[in-house]
Amino acid sequence: FTDEEYEELEEMAEELMEEKNINVIIATTRDNPHGKKDSDCKKYAADFYKECCISTSLQDNSGICIYVDLTVDSPGNRFFYIYTYGTAYYSVSNDNCQNLFKEEKPLLNEGYYSEAIYNVMVGLDEYNFRRGGLLLTYGLSIGIPIILALIIVLCCTHKKKLEPVPNS
């Protein structure tokens, strides 16, 4: 990338991060240690995202990694992948990621990576990444144990009344 392209992509990624409250990573490599197969590249993108963005549990680490592998250095043979994690995975389906890729494939084949990545981020901006599922999961995982504890405490501390006349 030229300096201008790099700054433009970085600015777009930051806007997307702030607007959608997700992590956005753009990763390119010429040295994928996992190998040259598609599955190896997908694994590398997932590992790269997890290494850079997943710092603590019980935190929404949702996001997207836009990955370009330049290991095979010939036009049309480079690997491009959009990895989604957390709520981003449920917001942008694999089919949607494939459609974004197909739309930008001509640019990628010609080596116009910055334009293609920029267009992908514009396409991702159309999706809603705020899902109630994560909040519901966290709420239930905290709320259900509290409710059960209250029921147990009430059952154990409830005084039973004596019968007025014993049956003896």
N, C-alpha and C. Protein backbone atom coordinates (compact mmCIF):
# COMPACT_ATOMS: atom_id res chain seq x y z
N PHE A 1 0.84 -1.19 0.00
CA PHE A 1 0.00 0.00 0.00
C PHE A 1 0.88 1.25 0.00
N THR A 2 0.41 2.26 -0.69
CA THR A 2 1.09 3.54 -0.59
C THR A 2 0.74 4.15 0.76
N ASP A 3 1.46 5.19 1.15
CA ASP A 3 1.17 5.85 2.44
C ASP A 3 -0.25 6.39 2.47
N GLU A 4 -0.71 6.96 1.36
CA GLU A 4 -2.08 7.50 1.29
C GLU A 4 -3.12 6.39 1.42
N GLU A 5 -2.89 5.29 0.72
CA GLU A 5 -3.82 4.16 0.79
C GLU A 5 -3.86 3.59 2.21
N TYR A 6 -2.69 3.47 2.82
CA TYR A 6 -2.61 2.95 4.19
C TYR A 6 -3.39 3.83 5.16
N GLU A 7 -3.19 5.14 5.06
CA GLU A 7 -3.91 6.08 5.94
C GLU A 7 -5.40 6.03 5.70
N GLU A 8 -5.82 5.94 4.45
CA GLU A 8 -7.24 5.89 4.12
C GLU A 8 -7.89 4.62 4.68
N LEU A 9 -7.21 3.48 4.52
CA LEU A 9 -7.74 2.23 5.04
C LEU A 9 -7.77 2.24 6.57
N GLU A 10 -6.75 2.78 7.17
CA GLU A 10 -6.70 2.86 8.63
C GLU A 10 -7.82 3.76 9.16
N GLU A 11 -8.06 4.87 8.50
CA GLU A 11 -9.13 5.78 8.90
C GLU A 11 -10.50 5.12 8.74
N MET A 12 -10.70 4.42 7.63
CA MET A 12 -11.98 3.73 7.40
C MET A 12 -12.19 2.64 8.45
N ALA A 13 -11.13 1.89 8.77
CA ALA A 13 -11.24 0.83 9.78
C ALA A 13 -11.58 1.42 11.15
N GLU A 14 -10.96 2.53 11.50
CA GLU A 14 -11.25 3.17 12.79
C GLU A 14 -12.68 3.68 12.84
N GLU A 15 -13.17 4.25 11.74
CA GLU A 15 -14.56 4.71 11.69
C GLU A 15 -15.52 3.53 11.87
N LEU A 16 -15.23 2.44 11.19
CA LEU A 16 -16.07 1.24 11.29
C LEU A 16 -16.04 0.69 12.72
N MET A 17 -14.87 0.71 13.34
CA MET A 17 -14.74 0.23 14.72
C MET A 17 -15.58 1.07 15.68
N GLU A 18 -15.48 2.39 15.56
CA GLU A 18 -16.21 3.27 16.46
C GLU A 18 -17.71 3.22 16.21
N GLU A 19 -18.09 3.22 14.94
CA GLU A 19 -19.50 3.24 14.58
C GLU A 19 -20.23 1.96 14.94
N LYS A 20 -19.58 0.82 14.71
CA LYS A 20 -20.23 -0.48 14.90
C LYS A 20 -19.83 -1.18 16.20
N ASN A 21 -18.86 -0.62 16.91
CA ASN A 21 -18.38 -1.17 18.18
C ASN A 21 -17.86 -2.61 18.01
N ILE A 22 -17.02 -2.79 17.00
CA ILE A 22 -16.38 -4.08 16.72
C ILE A 22 -14.90 -3.83 16.44
N ASN A 23 -14.12 -4.88 16.49
CA ASN A 23 -12.71 -4.80 16.08
C ASN A 23 -12.62 -4.98 14.57
N VAL A 24 -11.74 -4.22 13.95
CA VAL A 24 -11.51 -4.36 12.52
C VAL A 24 -10.01 -4.45 12.29
N ILE A 25 -9.59 -5.55 11.65
CA ILE A 25 -8.18 -5.76 11.36
C ILE A 25 -8.02 -6.02 9.88
N ILE A 26 -7.00 -5.40 9.30
CA ILE A 26 -6.62 -5.68 7.92
C ILE A 26 -5.24 -6.34 8.01
N ALA A 27 -5.15 -7.56 7.51
CA ALA A 27 -3.90 -8.30 7.60
C ALA A 27 -3.45 -8.74 6.21
N THR A 28 -2.20 -8.47 5.91
CA THR A 28 -1.60 -8.98 4.68
C THR A 28 -0.30 -9.69 5.06
N THR A 29 0.03 -10.72 4.30
CA THR A 29 1.26 -11.45 4.58
C THR A 29 1.83 -12.03 3.31
N ARG A 30 3.13 -12.19 3.31
CA ARG A 30 3.82 -12.91 2.24
C ARG A 30 4.44 -14.19 2.79
N ASP A 31 4.25 -14.42 4.09
CA ASP A 31 4.87 -15.57 4.72
C ASP A 31 3.87 -16.22 5.68
N ASN A 32 3.01 -17.06 5.13
CA ASN A 32 2.04 -17.76 5.96
C ASN A 32 2.68 -19.05 6.44
N PRO A 33 2.94 -19.15 7.74
CA PRO A 33 3.61 -20.35 8.24
C PRO A 33 2.75 -21.61 8.20
N HIS A 34 1.43 -21.46 8.03
CA HIS A 34 0.54 -22.61 8.04
C HIS A 34 0.53 -23.36 6.71
N GLY A 35 0.86 -22.68 5.61
CA GLY A 35 0.84 -23.33 4.30
C GLY A 35 0.14 -22.48 3.26
N LYS A 36 -0.09 -23.06 2.08
CA LYS A 36 -0.66 -22.30 0.97
C LYS A 36 -2.07 -22.72 0.60
N LYS A 37 -2.65 -23.68 1.29
CA LYS A 37 -4.01 -24.11 0.99
C LYS A 37 -5.00 -23.08 1.54
N ASP A 38 -6.22 -23.10 1.00
CA ASP A 38 -7.26 -22.20 1.49
C ASP A 38 -7.52 -22.41 2.97
N SER A 39 -7.58 -23.65 3.41
CA SER A 39 -7.86 -23.94 4.82
C SER A 39 -6.73 -23.42 5.71
N ASP A 40 -5.48 -23.46 5.21
CA ASP A 40 -4.35 -22.94 5.98
C ASP A 40 -4.46 -21.42 6.13
N CYS A 41 -4.87 -20.77 5.06
CA CYS A 41 -5.02 -19.31 5.09
C CYS A 41 -6.15 -18.90 6.03
N LYS A 42 -7.25 -19.65 6.02
CA LYS A 42 -8.35 -19.37 6.93
C LYS A 42 -7.91 -19.54 8.38
N LYS A 43 -7.14 -20.57 8.64
CA LYS A 43 -6.63 -20.81 9.99
C LYS A 43 -5.71 -19.68 10.43
N TYR A 44 -4.86 -19.22 9.51
CA TYR A 44 -3.95 -18.12 9.83
C TYR A 44 -4.74 -16.85 10.16
N ALA A 45 -5.78 -16.56 9.37
CA ALA A 45 -6.60 -15.36 9.63
C ALA A 45 -7.27 -15.46 11.00
N ALA A 46 -7.80 -16.63 11.32
CA ALA A 46 -8.45 -16.83 12.63
C ALA A 46 -7.45 -16.69 13.76
N ASP A 47 -6.29 -17.32 13.61
CA ASP A 47 -5.26 -17.22 14.65
C ASP A 47 -4.76 -15.79 14.82
N PHE A 48 -4.59 -15.08 13.70
CA PHE A 48 -4.13 -13.70 13.75
C PHE A 48 -5.14 -12.82 14.48
N TYR A 49 -6.43 -13.01 14.17
CA TYR A 49 -7.46 -12.22 14.83
C TYR A 49 -7.48 -12.52 16.33
N LYS A 50 -7.45 -13.78 16.67
CA LYS A 50 -7.50 -14.16 18.09
C LYS A 50 -6.29 -13.62 18.85
N GLU A 51 -5.13 -13.63 18.22
CA GLU A 51 -3.92 -13.13 18.87
C GLU A 51 -3.99 -11.61 19.09
N CYS A 52 -4.56 -10.90 18.14
CA CYS A 52 -4.58 -9.43 18.21
C CYS A 52 -5.77 -8.86 18.98
N CYS A 53 -6.89 -9.55 18.98
CA CYS A 53 -8.12 -8.93 19.48
C CYS A 53 -8.76 -9.59 20.69
N ILE A 54 -8.48 -10.84 20.96
CA ILE A 54 -9.15 -11.50 22.07
C ILE A 54 -8.22 -11.45 23.27
N SER A 55 -8.52 -10.48 24.13
CA SER A 55 -7.63 -10.26 25.27
C SER A 55 -8.21 -10.81 26.57
N THR A 56 -9.50 -10.64 26.76
CA THR A 56 -10.11 -11.10 28.01
C THR A 56 -11.42 -11.81 27.71
N SER A 57 -11.78 -12.72 28.59
CA SER A 57 -13.08 -13.38 28.46
C SER A 57 -14.13 -12.47 29.09
N LEU A 58 -15.38 -12.82 28.88
CA LEU A 58 -16.53 -12.03 29.35
C LEU A 58 -16.48 -10.59 28.85
N GLN A 59 -15.94 -10.44 27.64
CA GLN A 59 -15.91 -9.14 26.98
C GLN A 59 -16.30 -9.39 25.54
N ASP A 60 -16.97 -8.46 24.94
CA ASP A 60 -17.36 -8.62 23.55
C ASP A 60 -16.14 -8.34 22.67
N ASN A 61 -15.51 -9.39 22.20
CA ASN A 61 -14.33 -9.29 21.34
C ASN A 61 -14.70 -9.43 19.87
N SER A 62 -15.93 -9.10 19.53
CA SER A 62 -16.43 -9.30 18.18
C SER A 62 -15.67 -8.44 17.18
N GLY A 63 -15.56 -8.98 15.97
CA GLY A 63 -14.90 -8.19 14.96
C GLY A 63 -14.68 -8.93 13.66
N ILE A 64 -13.90 -8.27 12.81
CA ILE A 64 -13.66 -8.73 11.45
C ILE A 64 -12.18 -8.62 11.14
N CYS A 65 -11.68 -9.64 10.46
CA CYS A 65 -10.30 -9.61 9.95
C CYS A 65 -10.38 -9.75 8.43
N ILE A 66 -9.94 -8.73 7.73
CA ILE A 66 -9.87 -8.78 6.27
C ILE A 66 -8.44 -9.19 5.94
N TYR A 67 -8.30 -10.35 5.32
CA TYR A 67 -7.00 -10.99 5.17
C TYR A 67 -6.65 -11.19 3.70
N VAL A 68 -5.44 -10.79 3.35
CA VAL A 68 -4.93 -11.02 2.00
C VAL A 68 -3.58 -11.71 2.13
N ASP A 69 -3.47 -12.90 1.54
CA ASP A 69 -2.22 -13.66 1.57
C ASP A 69 -1.53 -13.50 0.21
N LEU A 70 -0.36 -12.89 0.22
CA LEU A 70 0.38 -12.64 -1.01
C LEU A 70 1.51 -13.65 -1.22
N THR A 71 1.41 -14.79 -0.54
CA THR A 71 2.46 -15.80 -0.63
C THR A 71 2.63 -16.30 -2.06
N VAL A 72 1.53 -16.60 -2.73
CA VAL A 72 1.58 -17.00 -4.13
C VAL A 72 1.56 -15.71 -4.93
N ASP A 73 2.70 -15.34 -5.50
CA ASP A 73 2.86 -14.01 -6.09
C ASP A 73 2.56 -14.01 -7.59
N SER A 74 1.31 -14.29 -7.91
CA SER A 74 0.88 -14.15 -9.30
C SER A 74 -0.57 -13.69 -9.30
N PRO A 75 -0.91 -12.79 -10.21
CA PRO A 75 -2.28 -12.24 -10.23
C PRO A 75 -3.33 -13.34 -10.32
N GLY A 76 -4.38 -13.19 -9.53
CA GLY A 76 -5.48 -14.15 -9.55
C GLY A 76 -5.27 -15.34 -8.64
N ASN A 77 -4.07 -15.52 -8.11
CA ASN A 77 -3.79 -16.66 -7.25
C ASN A 77 -3.59 -16.27 -5.79
N ARG A 78 -3.93 -15.08 -5.45
CA ARG A 78 -3.76 -14.64 -4.07
C ARG A 78 -5.03 -14.96 -3.30
N PHE A 79 -4.84 -15.24 -2.02
CA PHE A 79 -5.97 -15.64 -1.18
C PHE A 79 -6.53 -14.43 -0.47
N PHE A 80 -7.84 -14.27 -0.50
CA PHE A 80 -8.53 -13.18 0.16
C PHE A 80 -9.62 -13.79 1.03
N TYR A 81 -9.72 -13.34 2.27
CA TYR A 81 -10.67 -13.96 3.19
C TYR A 81 -11.18 -12.92 4.19
N ILE A 82 -12.46 -13.02 4.52
CA ILE A 82 -13.05 -12.17 5.55
C ILE A 82 -13.42 -13.08 6.71
N TYR A 83 -12.69 -12.92 7.82
CA TYR A 83 -12.93 -13.73 9.02
C TYR A 83 -13.79 -12.90 9.98
N THR A 84 -14.88 -13.50 10.46
CA THR A 84 -15.75 -12.82 11.41
C THR A 84 -15.77 -13.58 12.72
N TYR A 85 -15.90 -12.84 13.82
CA TYR A 85 -15.87 -13.45 15.15
C TYR A 85 -16.93 -12.80 16.03
N GLY A 86 -17.54 -13.59 16.90
CA GLY A 86 -18.52 -13.06 17.86
C GLY A 86 -19.80 -12.62 17.18
N THR A 87 -20.30 -11.46 17.58
CA THR A 87 -21.55 -10.98 16.99
C THR A 87 -21.39 -10.66 15.51
N ALA A 88 -20.17 -10.36 15.09
CA ALA A 88 -19.93 -10.11 13.67
C ALA A 88 -20.19 -11.37 12.85
N TYR A 89 -19.90 -12.53 13.43
CA TYR A 89 -20.15 -13.79 12.75
C TYR A 89 -21.65 -13.97 12.48
N TYR A 90 -22.48 -13.56 13.43
CA TYR A 90 -23.93 -13.71 13.26
C TYR A 90 -24.52 -12.56 12.47
N SER A 91 -23.84 -11.44 12.41
CA SER A 91 -24.34 -10.29 11.66
C SER A 91 -24.05 -10.41 10.17
N VAL A 92 -22.88 -10.93 9.84
CA VAL A 92 -22.48 -11.07 8.44
C VAL A 92 -22.26 -12.56 8.19
N SER A 93 -23.17 -13.17 7.48
CA SER A 93 -23.07 -14.62 7.24
C SER A 93 -21.92 -14.92 6.28
N ASN A 94 -21.55 -16.17 6.22
CA ASN A 94 -20.50 -16.58 5.28
C ASN A 94 -20.90 -16.29 3.84
N ASP A 95 -22.19 -16.44 3.54
CA ASP A 95 -22.66 -16.11 2.20
C ASP A 95 -22.48 -14.63 1.89
N ASN A 96 -22.76 -13.79 2.87
CA ASN A 96 -22.57 -12.35 2.68
C ASN A 96 -21.09 -12.02 2.47
N CYS A 97 -20.22 -12.69 3.23
CA CYS A 97 -18.78 -12.49 3.04
C CYS A 97 -18.36 -12.92 1.64
N GLN A 98 -18.89 -14.05 1.18
CA GLN A 98 -18.57 -14.53 -0.17
C GLN A 98 -19.05 -13.55 -1.23
N ASN A 99 -20.24 -12.97 -1.02
CA ASN A 99 -20.76 -11.99 -1.98
C ASN A 99 -19.89 -10.74 -2.02
N LEU A 100 -19.44 -10.29 -0.84
CA LEU A 100 -18.52 -9.14 -0.81
C LEU A 100 -17.24 -9.46 -1.57
N PHE A 101 -16.74 -10.67 -1.37
CA PHE A 101 -15.52 -11.09 -2.07
C PHE A 101 -15.74 -11.14 -3.58
N LYS A 102 -16.86 -11.72 -4.01
CA LYS A 102 -17.13 -11.85 -5.44
C LYS A 102 -17.24 -10.50 -6.13
N GLU A 103 -17.83 -9.52 -5.40
CA GLU A 103 -17.95 -8.18 -5.97
C GLU A 103 -16.58 -7.53 -6.18
N GLU A 104 -15.64 -7.84 -5.32
CA GLU A 104 -14.31 -7.20 -5.39
C GLU A 104 -13.26 -8.07 -6.08
N LYS A 105 -13.64 -9.25 -6.53
CA LYS A 105 -12.67 -10.17 -7.13
C LYS A 105 -11.95 -9.58 -8.34
N PRO A 106 -12.62 -8.85 -9.23
CA PRO A 106 -11.88 -8.25 -10.35
C PRO A 106 -10.77 -7.30 -9.89
N LEU A 107 -11.05 -6.50 -8.88
CA LEU A 107 -10.02 -5.60 -8.36
C LEU A 107 -8.87 -6.38 -7.73
N LEU A 108 -9.22 -7.43 -6.99
CA LEU A 108 -8.19 -8.25 -6.35
C LEU A 108 -7.32 -8.97 -7.38
N ASN A 109 -7.94 -9.46 -8.45
CA ASN A 109 -7.18 -10.14 -9.51
C ASN A 109 -6.17 -9.21 -10.17
N GLU A 110 -6.53 -7.94 -10.25
CA GLU A 110 -5.65 -6.96 -10.88
C GLU A 110 -4.63 -6.37 -9.91
N GLY A 111 -4.76 -6.73 -8.64
CA GLY A 111 -3.80 -6.24 -7.65
C GLY A 111 -4.16 -4.93 -6.99
N TYR A 112 -5.41 -4.48 -7.14
CA TYR A 112 -5.87 -3.24 -6.51
C TYR A 112 -6.43 -3.55 -5.13
N TYR A 113 -5.55 -3.92 -4.24
CA TYR A 113 -5.97 -4.39 -2.92
C TYR A 113 -6.59 -3.30 -2.06
N SER A 114 -6.02 -2.12 -2.10
CA SER A 114 -6.56 -1.06 -1.24
C SER A 114 -7.98 -0.70 -1.64
N GLU A 115 -8.26 -0.61 -2.93
CA GLU A 115 -9.61 -0.32 -3.39
C GLU A 115 -10.58 -1.43 -2.99
N ALA A 116 -10.15 -2.66 -3.18
CA ALA A 116 -11.01 -3.80 -2.85
C ALA A 116 -11.31 -3.84 -1.35
N ILE A 117 -10.28 -3.65 -0.52
CA ILE A 117 -10.49 -3.68 0.93
C ILE A 117 -11.36 -2.52 1.36
N TYR A 118 -11.14 -1.34 0.78
CA TYR A 118 -11.97 -0.18 1.10
C TYR A 118 -13.43 -0.46 0.75
N ASN A 119 -13.68 -1.03 -0.42
CA ASN A 119 -15.04 -1.36 -0.84
C ASN A 119 -15.68 -2.41 0.07
N VAL A 120 -14.88 -3.37 0.52
CA VAL A 120 -15.39 -4.39 1.46
C VAL A 120 -15.81 -3.72 2.76
N MET A 121 -15.01 -2.78 3.26
CA MET A 121 -15.38 -2.09 4.51
C MET A 121 -16.62 -1.23 4.32
N VAL A 122 -16.78 -0.63 3.15
CA VAL A 122 -18.01 0.12 2.87
C VAL A 122 -19.19 -0.84 2.87
N GLY A 123 -19.03 -2.02 2.29
CA GLY A 123 -20.09 -3.03 2.29
C GLY A 123 -20.41 -3.51 3.69
N LEU A 124 -19.38 -3.69 4.53
CA LEU A 124 -19.59 -4.14 5.91
C LEU A 124 -20.29 -3.08 6.75
N ASP A 125 -20.14 -1.83 6.36
CA ASP A 125 -20.76 -0.73 7.10
C ASP A 125 -22.29 -0.80 7.04
N GLU A 126 -22.83 -1.51 6.07
CA GLU A 126 -24.28 -1.62 5.91
C GLU A 126 -24.93 -2.58 6.91
N TYR A 127 -24.13 -3.41 7.57
CA TYR A 127 -24.67 -4.43 8.48
C TYR A 127 -24.80 -3.88 9.89
N ASN A 128 -25.78 -4.45 10.62
CA ASN A 128 -26.00 -4.09 12.01
C ASN A 128 -25.27 -5.09 12.89
N PHE A 129 -24.26 -4.63 13.61
CA PHE A 129 -23.46 -5.52 14.44
C PHE A 129 -23.91 -5.52 15.90
N ARG A 130 -24.92 -4.80 16.21
CA ARG A 130 -25.42 -4.76 17.58
C ARG A 130 -26.54 -5.79 17.71
N ARG A 131 -26.24 -6.85 18.39
CA ARG A 131 -27.20 -7.94 18.56
C ARG A 131 -27.56 -8.08 20.02
N GLY A 132 -28.80 -8.39 20.29
CA GLY A 132 -29.25 -8.59 21.66
C GLY A 132 -28.87 -9.94 22.22
N GLY A 133 -28.46 -10.85 21.37
CA GLY A 133 -28.13 -12.20 21.82
C GLY A 133 -27.02 -12.24 22.84
N LEU A 134 -26.00 -11.44 22.63
CA LEU A 134 -24.88 -11.42 23.57
C LEU A 134 -25.31 -10.85 24.91
N LEU A 135 -26.07 -9.77 24.88
CA LEU A 135 -26.57 -9.19 26.13
C LEU A 135 -27.52 -10.15 26.83
N LEU A 136 -28.36 -10.82 26.08
CA LEU A 136 -29.28 -11.79 26.65
C LEU A 136 -28.51 -12.94 27.30
N THR A 137 -27.48 -13.42 26.63
CA THR A 137 -26.66 -14.51 27.17
C THR A 137 -26.00 -14.10 28.47
N TYR A 138 -25.37 -12.93 28.48
CA TYR A 138 -24.72 -12.46 29.71
C TYR A 138 -25.75 -12.22 30.81
N GLY A 139 -26.90 -11.65 30.44
CA GLY A 139 -27.95 -11.39 31.42
C GLY A 139 -28.47 -12.68 32.05
N LEU A 140 -28.70 -13.68 31.21
CA LEU A 140 -29.19 -14.96 31.73
C LEU A 140 -28.13 -15.67 32.55
N SER A 141 -26.88 -15.59 32.13
CA SER A 141 -25.83 -16.28 32.88
C SER A 141 -25.60 -15.65 34.25
N ILE A 142 -25.98 -14.42 34.41
CA ILE A 142 -25.87 -13.76 35.71
C ILE A 142 -27.20 -13.84 36.45
N GLY A 143 -28.29 -13.62 35.74
CA GLY A 143 -29.61 -13.55 36.37
C GLY A 143 -30.14 -14.87 36.89
N ILE A 144 -29.98 -15.95 36.14
CA ILE A 144 -30.51 -17.25 36.57
C ILE A 144 -29.88 -17.72 37.87
N PRO A 145 -28.56 -17.66 38.04
CA PRO A 145 -28.00 -18.07 39.34
C PRO A 145 -28.47 -17.20 40.50
N ILE A 146 -28.66 -15.93 40.28
CA ILE A 146 -29.15 -15.05 41.34
C ILE A 146 -30.57 -15.43 41.73
N ILE A 147 -31.42 -15.68 40.75
CA ILE A 147 -32.80 -16.07 41.03
C ILE A 147 -32.85 -17.41 41.77
N LEU A 148 -32.05 -18.38 41.34
CA LEU A 148 -32.00 -19.68 42.03
C LEU A 148 -31.50 -19.52 43.46
N ALA A 149 -30.52 -18.69 43.68
CA ALA A 149 -30.01 -18.47 45.04
C ALA A 149 -31.08 -17.84 45.92
N LEU A 150 -31.84 -16.90 45.38
CA LEU A 150 -32.92 -16.28 46.16
C LEU A 150 -34.00 -17.29 46.52
N ILE A 151 -34.36 -18.16 45.59
CA ILE A 151 -35.38 -19.18 45.86
C ILE A 151 -34.90 -20.12 46.96
N ILE A 152 -33.65 -20.56 46.89
CA ILE A 152 -33.10 -21.46 47.91
C ILE A 152 -33.07 -20.78 49.27
N VAL A 153 -32.65 -19.53 49.31
CA VAL A 153 -32.60 -18.80 50.58
C VAL A 153 -34.00 -18.63 51.16
N LEU A 154 -34.96 -18.30 50.32
CA LEU A 154 -36.33 -18.14 50.81
C LEU A 154 -36.90 -19.46 51.33
N CYS A 155 -36.63 -20.56 50.64
CA CYS A 155 -37.13 -21.86 51.09
C CYS A 155 -36.48 -22.28 52.42
N CYS A 156 -35.23 -21.98 52.58
CA CYS A 156 -34.52 -22.40 53.79
C CYS A 156 -34.84 -21.51 54.99
N THR A 157 -35.15 -20.27 54.76
CA THR A 157 -35.39 -19.35 55.88
C THR A 157 -36.86 -19.18 56.21
N HIS A 158 -37.73 -19.73 55.39
CA HIS A 158 -39.17 -19.62 55.63
C HIS A 158 -39.55 -20.48 56.84
N LYS A 159 -40.13 -19.85 57.87
CA LYS A 159 -40.53 -20.58 59.08
C LYS A 159 -41.88 -21.23 58.85
N LYS A 160 -41.95 -22.49 59.19
CA LYS A 160 -43.22 -23.21 59.07
C LYS A 160 -44.00 -23.01 60.36
N LYS A 161 -45.28 -22.83 60.18
CA LYS A 161 -46.14 -22.66 61.35
C LYS A 161 -46.48 -24.00 61.96
N LEU A 162 -46.58 -24.02 63.27
CA LEU A 162 -46.99 -25.23 63.98
C LEU A 162 -48.49 -25.40 63.88
N GLU A 163 -48.92 -26.64 63.89
CA GLU A 163 -50.35 -26.89 63.88
C GLU A 163 -50.90 -26.45 65.23
N PRO A 164 -52.12 -25.91 65.28
CA PRO A 164 -52.67 -25.46 66.56
C PRO A 164 -52.87 -26.60 67.53
N VAL A 165 -53.30 -27.77 67.03
CA VAL A 165 -53.49 -28.92 67.91
C VAL A 165 -52.77 -30.09 67.25
N PRO A 166 -51.76 -30.64 67.90
CA PRO A 166 -51.05 -31.76 67.31
C PRO A 166 -51.93 -33.00 67.19
N ASN A 167 -51.70 -33.81 66.21
CA ASN A 167 -52.42 -35.06 65.99
C ASN A 167 -51.71 -36.18 66.74
N SER A 168 -51.80 -36.23 68.03
CA SER A 168 -51.13 -37.28 68.77
C SER A 168 -52.11 -38.08 69.62
